[in-house]
Amino acid sequence: MSMKDEFKAFIMKGNVVDLAIAVVVGGAFGKIITAFVDGIIMPLVTYVLPANIKWEEWILGKFRIGAVLGATVNFLIIALVIFLVLIKFLGKFVKKEEAPAAPATKECPACLEQVPLKATRCKHCTSSL
């Protein structure tokens, strides 16, 4: 098998295609969430802080603490929004697995055959249940 054929077989595997689609959709969804955080959430955060404080520009020596703090806050907010949208909101629409149904039969202790749950006598050996 040539390298071209091997590469084609690798690319056409379902998990590679699914991963590529997930990366593209995830990137687009990340842009939506980033725009939401930058346009709505972070302006709300500025209302909580005192008026003349630009926390993104905080510096401690040569360390840009504000940039790290801003990235951390952005990450936490993005993670919270993704959790709320994907896990809580969309999770309600995903079909949940049902619990297994209660058994409709029981085992006869004398002959070990299956008999209906409400039976009082085994139909195979006629012993009393």
C-alpha atoms as a PDB file:
ATOM      1  CA  MET A   1       0.000   0.000   0.000  1.00  0.00           C
ATOM      2  CA  SER A   2       1.428   3.367  -0.979  1.00  0.00           C
ATOM      3  CA  MET A   3       1.843   6.274   1.391  1.00  0.00           C
ATOM      4  CA  LYS A   4      -0.908   8.142  -0.471  1.00  0.00           C
ATOM      5  CA  ASP A   5      -3.367   5.293   0.101  1.00  0.00           C
ATOM      6  CA  GLU A   6      -2.391   4.969   3.750  1.00  0.00           C
ATOM      7  CA  PHE A   7      -2.819   8.705   4.283  1.00  0.00           C
ATOM      8  CA  LYS A   8      -6.204   8.633   2.536  1.00  0.00           C
ATOM      9  CA  ALA A   9      -7.340   5.735   4.748  1.00  0.00           C
ATOM     10  CA  PHE A  10      -6.144   7.602   7.847  1.00  0.00           C
ATOM     11  CA  ILE A  11      -7.947  10.817   6.902  1.00  0.00           C
ATOM     12  CA  MET A  12     -11.180   9.041   6.042  1.00  0.00           C
ATOM     13  CA  LYS A  13     -11.426   7.318   9.418  1.00  0.00           C
ATOM     14  CA  GLY A  14     -14.479   8.519  11.279  1.00  0.00           C
ATOM     15  CA  ASN A  15     -12.669   9.698  14.387  1.00  0.00           C
ATOM     16  CA  VAL A  16     -10.273  11.948  12.423  1.00  0.00           C
ATOM     17  CA  VAL A  17     -13.112  13.602  10.534  1.00  0.00           C
ATOM     18  CA  ASP A  18     -15.139  13.969  13.740  1.00  0.00           C
ATOM     19  CA  LEU A  19     -12.156  15.519  15.490  1.00  0.00           C
ATOM     20  CA  ALA A  20     -11.628  18.002  12.650  1.00  0.00           C
ATOM     21  CA  ILE A  21     -15.284  19.012  12.741  1.00  0.00           C
ATOM     22  CA  ALA A  22     -15.151  19.369  16.533  1.00  0.00           C
ATOM     23  CA  VAL A  23     -12.100  21.635  16.322  1.00  0.00           C
ATOM     24  CA  VAL A  24     -13.732  23.899  13.719  1.00  0.00           C
ATOM     25  CA  VAL A  25     -17.058  24.082  15.553  1.00  0.00           C
ATOM     26  CA  GLY A  26     -15.273  24.516  18.881  1.00  0.00           C
ATOM     27  CA  GLY A  27     -13.250  27.415  17.479  1.00  0.00           C
ATOM     28  CA  ALA A  28     -16.372  29.109  16.172  1.00  0.00           C
ATOM     29  CA  PHE A  29     -18.201  28.521  19.447  1.00  0.00           C
ATOM     30  CA  GLY A  30     -15.183  29.875  21.327  1.00  0.00           C
ATOM     31  CA  LYS A  31     -15.403  33.105  19.313  1.00  0.00           C
ATOM     32  CA  ILE A  32     -19.079  33.453  20.192  1.00  0.00           C
ATOM     33  CA  ILE A  33     -18.379  32.910  23.889  1.00  0.00           C
ATOM     34  CA  THR A  34     -15.405  35.301  23.822  1.00  0.00           C
ATOM     35  CA  ALA A  35     -17.563  37.989  22.191  1.00  0.00           C
ATOM     36  CA  PHE A  36     -20.251  37.391  24.837  1.00  0.00           C
ATOM     37  CA  VAL A  37     -17.717  37.692  27.655  1.00  0.00           C
ATOM     38  CA  ASP A  38     -15.998  40.762  26.172  1.00  0.00           C
ATOM     39  CA  GLY A  39     -19.210  42.534  25.176  1.00  0.00           C
ATOM     40  CA  ILE A  40     -21.552  41.723  28.053  1.00  0.00           C
ATOM     41  CA  ILE A  41     -19.890  40.095  31.052  1.00  0.00           C
ATOM     42  CA  MET A  42     -16.696  42.145  31.361  1.00  0.00           C
ATOM     43  CA  PRO A  43     -18.531  45.499  31.151  1.00  0.00           C
ATOM     44  CA  LEU A  44     -20.689  44.247  34.031  1.00  0.00           C
ATOM     45  CA  VAL A  45     -17.501  43.465  35.980  1.00  0.00           C
ATOM     46  CA  THR A  46     -16.336  47.069  35.527  1.00  0.00           C
ATOM     47  CA  TYR A  47     -19.485  48.258  37.331  1.00  0.00           C
ATOM     48  CA  VAL A  48     -18.403  46.286  40.407  1.00  0.00           C
ATOM     49  CA  LEU A  49     -14.880  47.740  40.458  1.00  0.00           C
ATOM     50  CA  PRO A  50     -14.188  51.338  41.536  1.00  0.00           C
ATOM     51  CA  ALA A  51     -14.453  53.912  38.744  1.00  0.00           C
ATOM     52  CA  ASN A  52     -10.820  54.745  37.904  1.00  0.00           C
ATOM     53  CA  ILE A  53      -9.260  51.300  38.294  1.00  0.00           C
ATOM     54  CA  LYS A  54      -8.051  49.598  35.126  1.00  0.00           C
ATOM     55  CA  TRP A  55      -7.312  46.167  36.529  1.00  0.00           C
ATOM     56  CA  GLU A  56      -6.014  44.867  33.182  1.00  0.00           C
ATOM     57  CA  GLU A  57      -3.029  47.224  33.538  1.00  0.00           C
ATOM     58  CA  TRP A  58      -1.921  46.265  37.065  1.00  0.00           C
ATOM     59  CA  ILE A  59       1.850  45.751  37.203  1.00  0.00           C
ATOM     60  CA  LEU A  60       3.952  44.342  40.046  1.00  0.00           C
ATOM     61  CA  GLY A  61       7.583  45.049  39.186  1.00  0.00           C
ATOM     62  CA  LYS A  62       8.005  43.618  35.694  1.00  0.00           C
ATOM     63  CA  PHE A  63       5.064  41.249  36.080  1.00  0.00           C
ATOM     64  CA  ARG A  64       1.817  42.140  34.361  1.00  0.00           C
ATOM     65  CA  ILE A  65      -0.519  40.870  37.066  1.00  0.00           C
ATOM     66  CA  GLY A  66      -3.535  42.530  35.459  1.00  0.00           C
ATOM     67  CA  ALA A  67      -3.088  40.629  32.205  1.00  0.00           C
ATOM     68  CA  VAL A  68      -2.870  37.314  34.060  1.00  0.00           C
ATOM     69  CA  LEU A  69      -5.840  38.249  36.229  1.00  0.00           C
ATOM     70  CA  GLY A  70      -7.823  39.280  33.151  1.00  0.00           C
ATOM     71  CA  ALA A  71      -7.031  36.043  31.324  1.00  0.00           C
ATOM     72  CA  THR A  72      -7.943  34.035  34.433  1.00  0.00           C
ATOM     73  CA  VAL A  73     -11.253  35.850  34.866  1.00  0.00           C
ATOM     74  CA  ASN A  74     -12.001  35.432  31.144  1.00  0.00           C
ATOM     75  CA  PHE A  75     -11.238  31.710  31.364  1.00  0.00           C
ATOM     76  CA  LEU A  76     -13.438  31.211  34.422  1.00  0.00           C
ATOM     77  CA  ILE A  77     -16.309  33.121  32.858  1.00  0.00           C
ATOM     78  CA  ILE A  78     -15.972  31.272  29.552  1.00  0.00           C
ATOM     79  CA  ALA A  79     -15.844  27.938  31.392  1.00  0.00           C
ATOM     80  CA  LEU A  80     -18.952  28.901  33.390  1.00  0.00           C
ATOM     81  CA  VAL A  81     -20.865  29.962  30.257  1.00  0.00           C
ATOM     82  CA  ILE A  82     -19.899  26.776  28.420  1.00  0.00           C
ATOM     83  CA  PHE A  83     -20.921  24.711  31.447  1.00  0.00           C
ATOM     84  CA  LEU A  84     -24.272  26.463  31.686  1.00  0.00           C
ATOM     85  CA  VAL A  85     -25.006  26.293  27.958  1.00  0.00           C
ATOM     86  CA  LEU A  86     -23.682  22.848  27.083  1.00  0.00           C
ATOM     87  CA  ILE A  87     -24.183  20.880  30.277  1.00  0.00           C
ATOM     88  CA  LYS A  88     -27.199  22.430  31.935  1.00  0.00           C
ATOM     89  CA  PHE A  89     -29.224  23.908  29.051  1.00  0.00           C
ATOM     90  CA  LEU A  90     -28.532  21.454  26.224  1.00  0.00           C
ATOM     91  CA  GLY A  91     -28.392  18.536  28.671  1.00  0.00           C
ATOM     92  CA  LYS A  92     -32.130  18.958  29.210  1.00  0.00           C
ATOM     93  CA  PHE A  93     -32.751  18.217  25.539  1.00  0.00           C
ATOM     94  CA  VAL A  94     -30.554  15.136  25.360  1.00  0.00           C
ATOM     95  CA  LYS A  95     -32.491  11.938  25.887  1.00  0.00           C
ATOM     96  CA  LYS A  96     -31.624  10.437  29.229  1.00  0.00           C
ATOM     97  CA  GLU A  97     -31.133   6.725  29.647  1.00  0.00           C
ATOM     98  CA  GLU A  98     -34.067   5.085  31.343  1.00  0.00           C
ATOM     99  CA  ALA A  99     -33.579   2.828  34.323  1.00  0.00           C
ATOM    100  CA  PRO A 100     -33.955  -0.863  33.525  1.00  0.00           C
ATOM    101  CA  ALA A 101     -37.490  -2.116  33.960  1.00  0.00           C
ATOM    102  CA  ALA A 102     -38.329  -4.304  36.907  1.00  0.00           C
ATOM    103  CA  PRO A 103     -38.119  -8.011  36.063  1.00  0.00           C
ATOM    104  CA  ALA A 104     -41.396  -9.609  34.951  1.00  0.00           C
ATOM    105  CA  THR A 105     -40.308 -13.124  35.912  1.00  0.00           C
ATOM    106  CA  LYS A 106     -38.713 -14.945  38.821  1.00  0.00           C
ATOM    107  CA  GLU A 107     -36.802 -18.193  39.105  1.00  0.00           C
ATOM    108  CA  CYS A 108     -38.422 -21.334  40.493  1.00  0.00           C
ATOM    109  CA  PRO A 109     -36.265 -22.607  43.389  1.00  0.00           C
ATOM    110  CA  ALA A 110     -37.067 -26.252  42.589  1.00  0.00           C
ATOM    111  CA  CYS A 111     -36.440 -26.465  38.824  1.00  0.00           C
ATOM    112  CA  LEU A 112     -34.694 -23.106  38.160  1.00  0.00           C
ATOM    113  CA  GLU A 113     -37.089 -22.241  35.313  1.00  0.00           C
ATOM    114  CA  GLN A 114     -38.403 -18.721  34.757  1.00  0.00           C
ATOM    115  CA  VAL A 115     -42.032 -18.196  35.836  1.00  0.00           C
ATOM    116  CA  PRO A 116     -44.189 -15.034  35.884  1.00  0.00           C
ATOM    117  CA  LEU A 117     -43.639 -12.815  38.899  1.00  0.00           C
ATOM    118  CA  LYS A 118     -47.224 -13.151  40.183  1.00  0.00           C
ATOM    119  CA  ALA A 119     -47.336 -16.943  39.810  1.00  0.00           C
ATOM    120  CA  THR A 120     -47.949 -19.018  42.939  1.00  0.00           C
ATOM    121  CA  ARG A 121     -47.129 -22.372  41.358  1.00  0.00           C
ATOM    122  CA  CYS A 122     -44.405 -23.286  38.813  1.00  0.00           C
ATOM    123  CA  LYS A 123     -45.817 -24.284  35.425  1.00  0.00           C
ATOM    124  CA  HIS A 124     -42.855 -26.619  34.782  1.00  0.00           C
ATOM    125  CA  CYS A 125     -42.582 -28.628  37.996  1.00  0.00           C
ATOM    126  CA  THR A 126     -45.838 -27.563  39.737  1.00  0.00           C
ATOM    127  CA  SER A 127     -44.033 -26.795  42.981  1.00  0.00           C
ATOM    128  CA  SER A 128     -45.488 -24.116  45.205  1.00  0.00           C
ATOM    129  CA  LEU A 129     -43.798 -20.713  45.053  1.00  0.00           C
END
